[in-house]
Structure formats: structure tokens, C-alpha cells
Amino acid sequence: MKLIRFIKNKYFWVTLFFVAWLFFFDKNNFFDQWKQRQTLNKLEQEADYYKKGIEKNKKEKEELFSSEKNLEKFAREKYMMKKSDEDLIIIIDTTKKEVK
């Protein structure tokens, strides 16, 4: 008896309609919110990746400009520069993986 009375209640139907509207038909429905949350998580991960890259580059910059010897070392390692009376031999380590 109470169940029938509950189902006939107009407030029950209005509330049910409102919840259905919010979940499926509204501009900011549940599915769109879920997609936006996934996008936000992806962007936060990218931001962390770039922050780590910035910190790495700042550290390299400080090391590079600390002395003339470090500047020469950087040029030789990164840009394969050499003096006129030297031979350059490049050894590539294929087992080393870069951090992304």
C-alpha cells in the first residue's frame, strides 16, 4: 500500500525527472563531466612532465654556465664538436632508456 502511494506521489516523479535530466540531458551531464575529468587528468600529467623537463633544463643551464670547462664539455657531448686536431668517435648506448 505504501509503495503504491509512494509511486503516485508527484514529488517522487519530479525528483526522478530532475535526476534523469541532470544525468543525461543537461549541458554538463554525467558523461561530459567524466570526459572532462579524464582530460584534466591527462593535462595534469603533461604539466608534471613539462615541469620535470624545466627543472632538468635549469639544472643543466646552471652547470653549463658555472665554468668554461663545463661549457666545452657540454658542446662536445651534446653537439659533437671537436678541436681541429682531434678525431670524433661516437658510441651510442642502445640499452639506456630515456625518461619521458
PDB file of N, CA and C in Angstrom:
ATOM      1  N   MET A   1       0.818  -1.186   0.000  1.00  0.00           N
ATOM      2  CA  MET A   1       0.000   0.000   0.000  1.00  0.00           C
ATOM      3  C   MET A   1       0.872   1.265   0.000  1.00  0.00           C
ATOM      4  N   LYS A   2       1.927   1.245   0.852  1.00  0.00           N
ATOM      5  CA  LYS A   2       2.800   2.420   0.914  1.00  0.00           C
ATOM      6  C   LYS A   2       3.573   2.611  -0.390  1.00  0.00           C
ATOM      7  N   LEU A   3       3.915   1.504  -1.045  1.00  0.00           N
ATOM      8  CA  LEU A   3       4.655   1.589  -2.298  1.00  0.00           C
ATOM      9  C   LEU A   3       3.801   2.256  -3.375  1.00  0.00           C
ATOM     10  N   ILE A   4       2.573   1.898  -3.468  1.00  0.00           N
ATOM     11  CA  ILE A   4       1.669   2.495  -4.450  1.00  0.00           C
ATOM     12  C   ILE A   4       1.488   3.983  -4.151  1.00  0.00           C
ATOM     13  N   ARG A   5       1.329   4.293  -2.885  1.00  0.00           N
ATOM     14  CA  ARG A   5       1.174   5.691  -2.500  1.00  0.00           C
ATOM     15  C   ARG A   5       2.443   6.482  -2.818  1.00  0.00           C
ATOM     16  N   PHE A   6       3.593   5.845  -2.623  1.00  0.00           N
ATOM     17  CA  PHE A   6       4.873   6.484  -2.905  1.00  0.00           C
ATOM     18  C   PHE A   6       5.035   6.752  -4.404  1.00  0.00           C
ATOM     19  N   ILE A   7       4.654   5.780  -5.235  1.00  0.00           N
ATOM     20  CA  ILE A   7       4.773   5.920  -6.688  1.00  0.00           C
ATOM     21  C   ILE A   7       3.800   6.973  -7.216  1.00  0.00           C
ATOM     22  N   LYS A   8       2.663   7.124  -6.611  1.00  0.00           N
ATOM     23  CA  LYS A   8       1.688   8.128  -7.041  1.00  0.00           C
ATOM     24  C   LYS A   8       2.057   9.544  -6.592  1.00  0.00           C
ATOM     25  N   ASN A   9       3.066   9.657  -5.747  1.00  0.00           N
ATOM     26  CA  ASN A   9       3.476  10.957  -5.224  1.00  0.00           C
ATOM     27  C   ASN A   9       4.105  11.795  -6.336  1.00  0.00           C
ATOM     28  N   LYS A  10       3.629  13.011  -6.513  1.00  0.00           N
ATOM     29  CA  LYS A  10       4.139  13.876  -7.577  1.00  0.00           C
ATOM     30  C   LYS A  10       5.567  14.342  -7.294  1.00  0.00           C
ATOM     31  N   TYR A  11       5.958  14.462  -6.037  1.00  0.00           N
ATOM     32  CA  TYR A  11       7.318  14.866  -5.697  1.00  0.00           C
ATOM     33  C   TYR A  11       8.338  13.795  -6.076  1.00  0.00           C
ATOM     34  N   PHE A  12       7.938  12.544  -5.965  1.00  0.00           N
ATOM     35  CA  PHE A  12       8.794  11.438  -6.398  1.00  0.00           C
ATOM     36  C   PHE A  12       9.087  11.557  -7.887  1.00  0.00           C
ATOM     37  N   TRP A  13       8.078  11.791  -8.698  1.00  0.00           N
ATOM     38  CA  TRP A  13       8.253  11.877 -10.137  1.00  0.00           C
ATOM     39  C   TRP A  13       9.038  13.117 -10.546  1.00  0.00           C
ATOM     40  N   VAL A  14       8.807  14.208  -9.882  1.00  0.00           N
ATOM     41  CA  VAL A  14       9.569  15.417 -10.186  1.00  0.00           C
ATOM     42  C   VAL A  14      11.045  15.217  -9.848  1.00  0.00           C
ATOM     43  N   THR A  15      11.301  14.604  -8.713  1.00  0.00           N
ATOM     44  CA  THR A  15      12.694  14.337  -8.314  1.00  0.00           C
ATOM     45  C   THR A  15      13.353  13.364  -9.286  1.00  0.00           C
ATOM     46  N   LEU A  16      12.639  12.323  -9.666  1.00  0.00           N
ATOM     47  CA  LEU A  16      13.171  11.351 -10.622  1.00  0.00           C
ATOM     48  C   LEU A  16      13.461  12.016 -11.971  1.00  0.00           C
ATOM     49  N   PHE A  17      12.573  12.853 -12.437  1.00  0.00           N
ATOM     50  CA  PHE A  17      12.773  13.584 -13.683  1.00  0.00           C
ATOM     51  C   PHE A  17      13.986  14.499 -13.583  1.00  0.00           C
ATOM     52  N   PHE A  18      14.116  15.197 -12.450  1.00  0.00           N
ATOM     53  CA  PHE A  18      15.239  16.111 -12.248  1.00  0.00           C
ATOM     54  C   PHE A  18      16.576  15.369 -12.275  1.00  0.00           C
ATOM     55  N   VAL A  19      16.645  14.233 -11.600  1.00  0.00           N
ATOM     56  CA  VAL A  19      17.879  13.444 -11.563  1.00  0.00           C
ATOM     57  C   VAL A  19      18.204  12.912 -12.965  1.00  0.00           C
ATOM     58  N   ALA A  20      17.176  12.413 -13.667  1.00  0.00           N
ATOM     59  CA  ALA A  20      17.400  11.925 -15.034  1.00  0.00           C
ATOM     60  C   ALA A  20      17.876  13.057 -15.935  1.00  0.00           C
ATOM     61  N   TRP A  21      17.300  14.218 -15.778  1.00  0.00           N
ATOM     62  CA  TRP A  21      17.708  15.380 -16.574  1.00  0.00           C
ATOM     63  C   TRP A  21      19.181  15.721 -16.313  1.00  0.00           C
ATOM     64  N   LEU A  22      19.574  15.728 -15.048  1.00  0.00           N
ATOM     65  CA  LEU A  22      20.959  16.051 -14.708  1.00  0.00           C
ATOM     66  C   LEU A  22      21.940  15.009 -15.246  1.00  0.00           C
ATOM     67  N   PHE A  23      21.542  13.720 -15.199  1.00  0.00           N
ATOM     68  CA  PHE A  23      22.455  12.666 -15.616  1.00  0.00           C
ATOM     69  C   PHE A  23      22.583  12.541 -17.129  1.00  0.00           C
ATOM     70  N   PHE A  24      21.521  12.824 -17.888  1.00  0.00           N
ATOM     71  CA  PHE A  24      21.551  12.509 -19.304  1.00  0.00           C
ATOM     72  C   PHE A  24      21.371  13.702 -20.246  1.00  0.00           C
ATOM     73  N   PHE A  25      20.561  14.675 -19.899  1.00  0.00           N
ATOM     74  CA  PHE A  25      20.175  15.692 -20.863  1.00  0.00           C
ATOM     75  C   PHE A  25      20.785  17.070 -20.641  1.00  0.00           C
ATOM     76  N   ASP A  26      21.293  17.335 -19.484  1.00  0.00           N
ATOM     77  CA  ASP A  26      21.832  18.646 -19.171  1.00  0.00           C
ATOM     78  C   ASP A  26      23.118  18.895 -19.950  1.00  0.00           C
ATOM     79  N   LYS A  27      23.479  20.160 -20.107  1.00  0.00           N
ATOM     80  CA  LYS A  27      24.706  20.526 -20.819  1.00  0.00           C
ATOM     81  C   LYS A  27      25.937  19.953 -20.116  1.00  0.00           C
ATOM     82  N   ASN A  28      25.920  19.917 -18.816  1.00  0.00           N
ATOM     83  CA  ASN A  28      27.030  19.375 -18.024  1.00  0.00           C
ATOM     84  C   ASN A  28      26.617  18.038 -17.416  1.00  0.00           C
ATOM     85  N   ASN A  29      26.195  17.114 -18.253  1.00  0.00           N
ATOM     86  CA  ASN A  29      25.705  15.839 -17.736  1.00  0.00           C
ATOM     87  C   ASN A  29      26.847  14.974 -17.217  1.00  0.00           C
ATOM     88  N   PHE A  30      26.491  13.841 -16.680  1.00  0.00           N
ATOM     89  CA  PHE A  30      27.445  12.940 -16.040  1.00  0.00           C
ATOM     90  C   PHE A  30      28.549  12.503 -17.002  1.00  0.00           C
ATOM     91  N   PHE A  31      28.180  12.164 -18.222  1.00  0.00           N
ATOM     92  CA  PHE A  31      29.156  11.657 -19.187  1.00  0.00           C
ATOM     93  C   PHE A  31      30.143  12.749 -19.619  1.00  0.00           C
ATOM     94  N   ASP A  32      29.647  13.954 -19.811  1.00  0.00           N
ATOM     95  CA  ASP A  32      30.540  15.058 -20.155  1.00  0.00           C
ATOM     96  C   ASP A  32      31.489  15.383 -19.001  1.00  0.00           C
ATOM     97  N   GLN A  33      30.977  15.322 -17.794  1.00  0.00           N
ATOM     98  CA  GLN A  33      31.825  15.556 -16.622  1.00  0.00           C
ATOM     99  C   GLN A  33      32.928  14.506 -16.549  1.00  0.00           C
ATOM    100  N   TRP A  34      32.588  13.266 -16.845  1.00  0.00           N
ATOM    101  CA  TRP A  34      33.568  12.185 -16.814  1.00  0.00           C
ATOM    102  C   TRP A  34      34.649  12.411 -17.874  1.00  0.00           C
ATOM    103  N   LYS A  35      34.252  12.802 -19.083  1.00  0.00           N
ATOM    104  CA  LYS A  35      35.215  13.089 -20.148  1.00  0.00           C
ATOM    105  C   LYS A  35      36.121  14.268 -19.769  1.00  0.00           C
ATOM    106  N   GLN A  36      35.538  15.290 -19.172  1.00  0.00           N
ATOM    107  CA  GLN A  36      36.334  16.447 -18.756  1.00  0.00           C
ATOM    108  C   GLN A  36      37.311  16.065 -17.650  1.00  0.00           C
ATOM    109  N   ARG A  37      36.906  15.182 -16.754  1.00  0.00           N
ATOM    110  CA  ARG A  37      37.801  14.720 -15.687  1.00  0.00           C
ATOM    111  C   ARG A  37      38.976  13.944 -16.286  1.00  0.00           C
ATOM    112  N   GLN A  38      38.707  13.099 -17.292  1.00  0.00           N
ATOM    113  CA  GLN A  38      39.773  12.357 -17.958  1.00  0.00           C
ATOM    114  C   GLN A  38      40.745  13.312 -18.654  1.00  0.00           C
ATOM    115  N   THR A  39      40.211  14.322 -19.320  1.00  0.00           N
ATOM    116  CA  THR A  39      41.053  15.307 -19.994  1.00  0.00           C
ATOM    117  C   THR A  39      41.893  16.079 -18.990  1.00  0.00           C
ATOM    118  N   LEU A  40      41.284  16.437 -17.862  1.00  0.00           N
ATOM    119  CA  LEU A  40      42.010  17.159 -16.823  1.00  0.00           C
ATOM    120  C   LEU A  40      43.156  16.321 -16.276  1.00  0.00           C
ATOM    121  N   ASN A  41      42.916  15.044 -16.028  1.00  0.00           N
ATOM    122  CA  ASN A  41      43.974  14.165 -15.531  1.00  0.00           C
ATOM    123  C   ASN A  41      45.116  14.061 -16.537  1.00  0.00           C
ATOM    124  N   LYS A  42      44.771  13.957 -17.818  1.00  0.00           N
ATOM    125  CA  LYS A  42      45.804  13.883 -18.858  1.00  0.00           C
ATOM    126  C   LYS A  42      46.624  15.174 -18.902  1.00  0.00           C
ATOM    127  N   LEU A  43      45.954  16.310 -18.810  1.00  0.00           N
ATOM    128  CA  LEU A  43      46.667  17.589 -18.837  1.00  0.00           C
ATOM    129  C   LEU A  43      47.541  17.776 -17.603  1.00  0.00           C
ATOM    130  N   GLU A  44      47.082  17.300 -16.448  1.00  0.00           N
ATOM    131  CA  GLU A  44      47.905  17.384 -15.235  1.00  0.00           C
ATOM    132  C   GLU A  44      49.159  16.526 -15.369  1.00  0.00           C
ATOM    133  N   GLN A  45      49.022  15.355 -15.990  1.00  0.00           N
ATOM    134  CA  GLN A  45      50.194  14.506 -16.216  1.00  0.00           C
ATOM    135  C   GLN A  45      51.180  15.183 -17.168  1.00  0.00           C
ATOM    136  N   GLU A  46      50.661  15.820 -18.214  1.00  0.00           N
ATOM    137  CA  GLU A  46      51.529  16.545 -19.139  1.00  0.00           C
ATOM    138  C   GLU A  46      52.220  17.712 -18.442  1.00  0.00           C
ATOM    139  N   ALA A  47      51.498  18.401 -17.570  1.00  0.00           N
ATOM    140  CA  ALA A  47      52.090  19.524 -16.841  1.00  0.00           C
ATOM    141  C   ALA A  47      53.223  19.028 -15.950  1.00  0.00           C
ATOM    142  N   ASP A  48      53.041  17.888 -15.281  1.00  0.00           N
ATOM    143  CA  ASP A  48      54.106  17.318 -14.456  1.00  0.00           C
ATOM    144  C   ASP A  48      55.319  16.951 -15.302  1.00  0.00           C
ATOM    145  N   TYR A  49      55.069  16.383 -16.484  1.00  0.00           N
ATOM    146  CA  TYR A  49      56.161  16.020 -17.385  1.00  0.00           C
ATOM    147  C   TYR A  49      56.971  17.261 -17.774  1.00  0.00           C
ATOM    148  N   TYR A  50      56.272  18.326 -18.137  1.00  0.00           N
ATOM    149  CA  TYR A  50      56.970  19.548 -18.552  1.00  0.00           C
ATOM    150  C   TYR A  50      57.664  20.230 -17.380  1.00  0.00           C
ATOM    151  N   LYS A  51      57.094  20.166 -16.187  1.00  0.00           N
ATOM    152  CA  LYS A  51      57.759  20.736 -15.005  1.00  0.00           C
ATOM    153  C   LYS A  51      59.065  19.999 -14.721  1.00  0.00           C
ATOM    154  N   LYS A  52      59.046  18.676 -14.866  1.00  0.00           N
ATOM    155  CA  LYS A  52      60.278  17.905 -14.670  1.00  0.00           C
ATOM    156  C   LYS A  52      61.316  18.279 -15.725  1.00  0.00           C
ATOM    157  N   GLY A  53      60.867  18.472 -16.964  1.00  0.00           N
ATOM    158  CA  GLY A  53      61.775  18.875 -18.041  1.00  0.00           C
ATOM    159  C   GLY A  53      62.374  20.249 -17.773  1.00  0.00           C
ATOM    160  N   ILE A  54      61.558  21.159 -17.256  1.00  0.00           N
ATOM    161  CA  ILE A  54      62.048  22.506 -16.935  1.00  0.00           C
ATOM    162  C   ILE A  54      63.099  22.441 -15.842  1.00  0.00           C
ATOM    163  N   GLU A  55      62.834  21.641 -14.805  1.00  0.00           N
ATOM    164  CA  GLU A  55      63.815  21.503 -13.723  1.00  0.00           C
ATOM    165  C   GLU A  55      65.122  20.906 -14.240  1.00  0.00           C
ATOM    166  N   LYS A  56      65.004  19.914 -15.121  1.00  0.00           N
ATOM    167  CA  LYS A  56      66.207  19.300 -15.701  1.00  0.00           C
ATOM    168  C   LYS A  56      66.992  20.326 -16.503  1.00  0.00           C
ATOM    169  N   ASN A  57      66.298  21.128 -17.307  1.00  0.00           N
ATOM    170  CA  ASN A  57      66.973  22.140 -18.125  1.00  0.00           C
ATOM    171  C   ASN A  57      67.595  23.238 -17.278  1.00  0.00           C
ATOM    172  N   LYS A  58      66.935  23.630 -16.188  1.00  0.00           N
ATOM    173  CA  LYS A  58      67.516  24.635 -15.291  1.00  0.00           C
ATOM    174  C   LYS A  58      68.800  24.115 -14.663  1.00  0.00           C
ATOM    175  N   LYS A  59      68.782  22.838 -14.281  1.00  0.00           N
ATOM    176  CA  LYS A  59      69.977  22.242 -13.689  1.00  0.00           C
ATOM    177  C   LYS A  59      71.124  22.209 -14.705  1.00  0.00           C
ATOM    178  N   GLU A  60      70.815  21.820 -15.944  1.00  0.00           N
ATOM    179  CA  GLU A  60      71.835  21.800 -16.996  1.00  0.00           C
ATOM    180  C   GLU A  60      72.362  23.210 -17.277  1.00  0.00           C
ATOM    181  N   LYS A  61      71.482  24.193 -17.255  1.00  0.00           N
ATOM    182  CA  LYS A  61      71.891  25.573 -17.508  1.00  0.00           C
ATOM    183  C   LYS A  61      72.843  26.065 -16.424  1.00  0.00           C
ATOM    184  N   GLU A  62      72.511  25.784 -15.170  1.00  0.00           N
ATOM    185  CA  GLU A  62      73.396  26.198 -14.071  1.00  0.00           C
ATOM    186  C   GLU A  62      74.749  25.529 -14.185  1.00  0.00           C
ATOM    187  N   GLU A  63      74.742  24.247 -14.544  1.00  0.00           N
ATOM    188  CA  GLU A  63      76.012  23.529 -14.708  1.00  0.00           C
ATOM    189  C   GLU A  63      76.792  24.078 -15.896  1.00  0.00           C
ATOM    190  N   LEU A  64      76.095  24.402 -16.957  1.00  0.00           N
ATOM    191  CA  LEU A  64      76.741  24.882 -18.180  1.00  0.00           C
ATOM    192  C   LEU A  64      77.434  26.216 -17.960  1.00  0.00           C
ATOM    193  N   PHE A  65      76.777  27.139 -17.298  1.00  0.00           N
ATOM    194  CA  PHE A  65      77.330  28.476 -17.136  1.00  0.00           C
ATOM    195  C   PHE A  65      78.206  28.619 -15.896  1.00  0.00           C
ATOM    196  N   SER A  66      78.456  27.529 -15.186  1.00  0.00           N
ATOM    197  CA  SER A  66      79.276  27.638 -13.975  1.00  0.00           C
ATOM    198  C   SER A  66      80.764  27.812 -14.301  1.00  0.00           C
ATOM    199  N   SER A  67      81.236  27.237 -15.413  1.00  0.00           N
ATOM    200  CA  SER A  67      82.650  27.414 -15.776  1.00  0.00           C
ATOM    201  C   SER A  67      82.856  27.198 -17.276  1.00  0.00           C
ATOM    202  N   GLU A  68      83.992  27.640 -17.758  1.00  0.00           N
ATOM    203  CA  GLU A  68      84.338  27.493 -19.173  1.00  0.00           C
ATOM    204  C   GLU A  68      84.576  26.023 -19.524  1.00  0.00           C
ATOM    205  N   LYS A  69      85.090  25.273 -18.574  1.00  0.00           N
ATOM    206  CA  LYS A  69      85.351  23.856 -18.794  1.00  0.00           C
ATOM    207  C   LYS A  69      84.038  23.098 -19.016  1.00  0.00           C
ATOM    208  N   ASN A  70      83.027  23.438 -18.240  1.00  0.00           N
ATOM    209  CA  ASN A  70      81.721  22.792 -18.401  1.00  0.00           C
ATOM    210  C   ASN A  70      81.077  23.164 -19.737  1.00  0.00           C
ATOM    211  N   LEU A  71      81.295  24.388 -20.181  1.00  0.00           N
ATOM    212  CA  LEU A  71      80.768  24.821 -21.475  1.00  0.00           C
ATOM    213  C   LEU A  71      81.383  23.995 -22.604  1.00  0.00           C
ATOM    214  N   GLU A  72      82.680  23.776 -22.531  1.00  0.00           N
ATOM    215  CA  GLU A  72      83.355  22.964 -23.539  1.00  0.00           C
ATOM    216  C   GLU A  72      82.867  21.519 -23.488  1.00  0.00           C
ATOM    217  N   LYS A  73      82.707  20.987 -22.292  1.00  0.00           N
ATOM    218  CA  LYS A  73      82.205  19.620 -22.116  1.00  0.00           C
ATOM    219  C   LYS A  73      80.802  19.479 -22.721  1.00  0.00           C
ATOM    220  N   PHE A  74      79.953  20.453 -22.467  1.00  0.00           N
ATOM    221  CA  PHE A  74      78.581  20.434 -22.994  1.00  0.00           C
ATOM    222  C   PHE A  74      78.589  20.454 -24.522  1.00  0.00           C
ATOM    223  N   ALA A  75      79.402  21.322 -25.102  1.00  0.00           N
ATOM    224  CA  ALA A  75      79.469  21.429 -26.561  1.00  0.00           C
ATOM    225  C   ALA A  75      79.973  20.133 -27.183  1.00  0.00           C
ATOM    226  N   ARG A  76      80.944  19.509 -26.558  1.00  0.00           N
ATOM    227  CA  ARG A  76      81.486  18.262 -27.088  1.00  0.00           C
ATOM    228  C   ARG A  76      80.466  17.118 -26.990  1.00  0.00           C
ATOM    229  N   GLU A  77      79.748  17.036 -25.865  1.00  0.00           N
ATOM    230  CA  GLU A  77      78.819  15.922 -25.668  1.00  0.00           C
ATOM    231  C   GLU A  77      77.516  16.096 -26.443  1.00  0.00           C
ATOM    232  N   LYS A  78      76.951  17.256 -26.400  1.00  0.00           N
ATOM    233  CA  LYS A  78      75.618  17.458 -26.989  1.00  0.00           C
ATOM    234  C   LYS A  78      75.659  17.749 -28.485  1.00  0.00           C
ATOM    235  N   TYR A  79      76.652  18.496 -28.933  1.00  0.00           N
ATOM    236  CA  TYR A  79      76.689  18.933 -30.325  1.00  0.00           C
ATOM    237  C   TYR A  79      77.835  18.323 -31.116  1.00  0.00           C
ATOM    238  N   MET A  80      78.519  17.337 -30.550  1.00  0.00           N
ATOM    239  CA  MET A  80      79.590  16.599 -31.216  1.00  0.00           C
ATOM    240  C   MET A  80      80.669  17.513 -31.779  1.00  0.00           C
ATOM    241  N   MET A  81      80.985  18.581 -31.087  1.00  0.00           N
ATOM    242  CA  MET A  81      82.032  19.500 -31.535  1.00  0.00           C
ATOM    243  C   MET A  81      83.398  18.938 -31.162  1.00  0.00           C
ATOM    244  N   LYS A  82      84.387  19.282 -31.966  1.00  0.00           N
ATOM    245  CA  LYS A  82      85.732  18.789 -31.718  1.00  0.00           C
ATOM    246  C   LYS A  82      86.753  19.850 -32.104  1.00  0.00           C
ATOM    247  N   LYS A  83      87.948  19.666 -31.621  1.00  0.00           N
ATOM    248  CA  LYS A  83      89.038  20.556 -31.998  1.00  0.00           C
ATOM    249  C   LYS A  83      89.566  20.113 -33.362  1.00  0.00           C
ATOM    250  N   SER A  84      90.308  20.975 -34.011  1.00  0.00           N
ATOM    251  CA  SER A  84      90.754  20.698 -35.386  1.00  0.00           C
ATOM    252  C   SER A  84      91.713  19.511 -35.466  1.00  0.00           C
ATOM    253  N   ASP A  85      92.449  19.218 -34.412  1.00  0.00           N
ATOM    254  CA  ASP A  85      93.423  18.127 -34.469  1.00  0.00           C
ATOM    255  C   ASP A  85      92.907  16.845 -33.805  1.00  0.00           C
ATOM    256  N   GLU A  86      91.606  16.722 -33.599  1.00  0.00           N
ATOM    257  CA  GLU A  86      91.030  15.553 -32.943  1.00  0.00           C
ATOM    258  C   GLU A  86      90.155  14.764 -33.913  1.00  0.00           C
ATOM    259  N   ASP A  87      90.017  13.483 -33.622  1.00  0.00           N
ATOM    260  CA  ASP A  87      89.056  12.629 -34.320  1.00  0.00           C
ATOM    261  C   ASP A  87      87.893  12.372 -33.368  1.00  0.00           C
ATOM    262  N   LEU A  88      86.695  12.312 -33.912  1.00  0.00           N
ATOM    263  CA  LEU A  88      85.498  12.127 -33.108  1.00  0.00           C
ATOM    264  C   LEU A  88      84.955  10.722 -33.302  1.00  0.00           C
ATOM    265  N   ILE A  89      84.806   9.994 -32.210  1.00  0.00           N
ATOM    266  CA  ILE A  89      84.242   8.649 -32.232  1.00  0.00           C
ATOM    267  C   ILE A  89      82.970   8.679 -31.394  1.00  0.00           C
ATOM    268  N   ILE A  90      81.865   8.280 -32.005  1.00  0.00           N
ATOM    269  CA  ILE A  90      80.577   8.318 -31.313  1.00  0.00           C
ATOM    270  C   ILE A  90      80.155   6.902 -30.963  1.00  0.00           C
ATOM    271  N   ILE A  91      79.870   6.677 -29.681  1.00  0.00           N
ATOM    272  CA  ILE A  91      79.393   5.387 -29.201  1.00  0.00           C
ATOM    273  C   ILE A  91      77.982   5.607 -28.659  1.00  0.00           C
ATOM    274  N   ILE A  92      77.030   4.883 -29.224  1.00  0.00           N
ATOM    275  CA  ILE A  92      75.640   5.031 -28.813  1.00  0.00           C
ATOM    276  C   ILE A  92      75.260   3.837 -27.950  1.00  0.00           C
ATOM    277  N   ASP A  93      74.747   4.123 -26.761  1.00  0.00           N
ATOM    278  CA  ASP A  93      74.301   3.085 -25.834  1.00  0.00           C
ATOM    279  C   ASP A  93      72.830   2.798 -26.102  1.00  0.00           C
ATOM    280  N   THR A  94      72.537   1.641 -26.692  1.00  0.00           N
ATOM    281  CA  THR A  94      71.156   1.302 -27.044  1.00  0.00           C
ATOM    282  C   THR A  94      70.385   0.704 -25.873  1.00  0.00           C
ATOM    283  N   THR A  95      71.065   0.335 -24.802  1.00  0.00           N
ATOM    284  CA  THR A  95      70.373  -0.262 -23.648  1.00  0.00           C
ATOM    285  C   THR A  95      69.803   0.800 -22.727  1.00  0.00           C
ATOM    286  N   LYS A  96      70.274   2.011 -22.820  1.00  0.00           N
ATOM    287  CA  LYS A  96      69.806   3.083 -21.946  1.00  0.00           C
ATOM    288  C   LYS A  96      68.483   3.648 -22.455  1.00  0.00           C
ATOM    289  N   LYS A  97      67.486   3.728 -21.588  1.00  0.00           N
ATOM    290  CA  LYS A  97      66.191   4.274 -21.957  1.00  0.00           C
ATOM    291  C   LYS A  97      66.050   5.668 -21.366  1.00  0.00           C
ATOM    292  N   GLU A  98      65.470   6.576 -22.154  1.00  0.00           N
ATOM    293  CA  GLU A  98      65.267   7.957 -21.678  1.00  0.00           C
ATOM    294  C   GLU A  98      63.995   8.025 -20.850  1.00  0.00           C
ATOM    295  N   VAL A  99      64.002   8.909 -19.863  1.00  0.00           N
ATOM    296  CA  VAL A  99      62.831   9.141 -19.030  1.00  0.00           C
ATOM    297  C   VAL A  99      61.919  10.104 -19.748  1.00  0.00           C
ATOM    298  N   LYS A 100      60.650   9.714 -19.902  1.00  0.00           N
ATOM    299  CA  LYS A 100      59.696  10.593 -20.584  1.00  0.00           C
ATOM    300  C   LYS A 100      58.718  11.145 -19.603  1.00  0.00           C
TER     301      LYS A 100
END
